Protein backbone atom coordinates (compact mmCIF):
# COMPACT_ATOMS: atom_id res chain seq x y z
CA MET A 1 141.44 20.92 486.90
CA HIS A 2 140.84 24.59 486.95
CA ARG A 3 137.52 26.08 486.20
CA ILE A 4 137.39 29.04 483.90
CA TYR A 5 134.38 31.32 484.14
CA VAL A 6 133.29 33.15 481.04
CA TYR A 7 130.71 35.89 481.40
CA ALA A 8 128.30 35.89 478.54
CA THR A 9 126.83 39.35 478.71
CA ARG A 10 125.39 40.99 475.73
CA GLN A 11 127.07 44.24 475.11
CA GLU A 12 125.16 46.75 473.03
CA THR A 13 127.11 48.65 470.58
CA ARG A 14 127.06 52.37 470.72
CA TYR A 15 125.37 52.45 467.32
CA ASN A 16 122.34 50.45 468.50
CA ARG A 17 121.81 52.71 471.53
CA GLY A 18 121.92 55.79 469.31
CA ILE A 19 119.27 54.39 466.96
CA ARG A 20 116.94 53.49 469.85
CA SER A 21 117.19 56.88 471.48
CA THR A 22 116.65 58.59 468.09
CA LEU A 23 113.56 56.48 467.42
CA ILE A 24 112.18 57.21 470.88
CA PHE A 25 112.78 60.93 470.33
CA ILE A 26 111.09 60.87 466.91
CA LEU A 27 108.07 58.93 468.20
CA SER A 28 107.76 61.27 471.18
CA PHE A 29 107.91 64.28 468.87
CA ILE A 30 105.21 62.81 466.60
CA ILE A 31 102.94 62.10 469.58
CA VAL A 32 103.40 65.62 470.94
CA ALA A 33 102.76 67.13 467.49
CA LEU A 34 99.54 65.14 467.04
CA PHE A 35 98.35 66.11 470.52
CA TYR A 36 99.11 69.78 469.76
CA CYS A 37 97.12 69.63 466.50
CA TYR A 38 94.17 68.04 468.29
CA ILE A 39 94.17 70.65 471.08
CA ARG A 40 94.53 73.50 468.60
CA GLY A 41 91.55 72.25 466.58
CA ALA A 42 89.44 71.90 469.70
CA CYS A 43 90.34 75.43 470.81
CA SER A 44 89.51 76.77 467.36
CA ASN A 45 86.06 75.15 467.48
CA LEU A 46 85.44 76.53 470.96
CA ARG A 47 86.54 79.99 469.83
CA GLU A 48 84.11 79.93 466.88
CA ASP A 49 81.27 78.80 469.17
CA LEU A 50 82.08 81.61 471.59
CA ILE A 51 82.07 84.18 468.77
CA VAL A 52 78.63 83.01 467.61
CA GLN A 53 77.29 83.06 471.17
CA LEU A 54 78.68 86.56 471.80
CA SER A 55 77.20 87.90 468.56
CA ARG A 56 73.79 86.50 469.53
CA GLU A 57 74.11 88.03 472.98
CA ARG A 58 75.12 91.40 471.52
CA HIS A 59 72.12 91.31 469.16
CA ALA A 60 69.81 90.51 472.09
CA LEU A 61 71.28 93.38 474.14
CA GLU A 62 70.84 95.81 471.24
CA THR A 63 67.24 94.69 470.76
CA ASN A 64 66.60 95.00 474.49
CA SER A 65 68.08 98.50 474.55
CA ARG A 66 66.03 99.57 471.54
CA LEU A 67 62.83 98.21 473.10
CA LYS A 68 63.57 99.95 476.42
CA THR A 69 64.09 103.24 474.58
CA GLU A 70 60.86 102.77 472.69
CA LEU A 71 58.97 101.89 475.87
CA SER A 72 60.27 104.92 477.72
CA GLY A 73 59.38 107.10 474.73
CA ILE A 74 55.79 105.87 474.67
CA THR A 75 55.11 107.40 478.05
CA LYS A 76 56.58 110.76 477.12
CA LYS A 77 54.27 113.50 475.96
CA ARG A 78 56.35 114.47 472.95
CA TYR A 79 56.41 110.94 471.66
CA LEU A 80 52.63 110.74 471.96
CA GLU A 81 52.26 114.00 470.04
CA PHE A 82 54.66 112.75 467.39
CA LYS A 83 52.70 109.53 466.92
CA ALA A 84 49.42 111.49 466.81
CA LYS A 85 50.81 113.70 464.04
CA GLU A 86 51.90 110.60 462.14
CA LEU A 87 48.32 109.34 462.32
CA GLY A 88 46.98 112.67 461.08
CA LEU A 89 45.47 113.74 464.37
CA ILE A 90 45.63 117.39 465.35
CA LYS A 91 45.62 119.02 468.75
CA PRO A 92 42.33 120.81 469.46
CA LYS A 93 42.36 124.59 469.96
CA GLU A 94 41.47 126.00 473.36
CA GLU A 95 38.08 127.22 472.06
CA GLU A 96 37.18 123.73 470.96
CA VAL A 97 37.80 122.12 474.35
CA LEU A 98 34.86 121.85 476.71
CA VAL A 99 35.82 121.41 480.34
CA LEU A 100 33.17 119.92 482.59
CA ARG A 101 33.27 120.32 486.34
């Protein structure tokens, strides 16, 4: 008696392999698209936060600059004369000044 060996391997058809690779490609594309949308939203939120922070910083710098200008003007003679005129004060004439030694 002769033995006959039959190999029982499952052969995939070309059609089945094409469907699997297409499904894998589509699922991969969907995952990448969702990840891209998530990252883009996160970057947009960070950008908006940065814009708000920079506008606050710019406002603080402008206020600081204005206050420095005002402070330096207070010590100047002209600024003091200007403020005195605003208050209705007048500079005394030389005859009115009494100098004591």
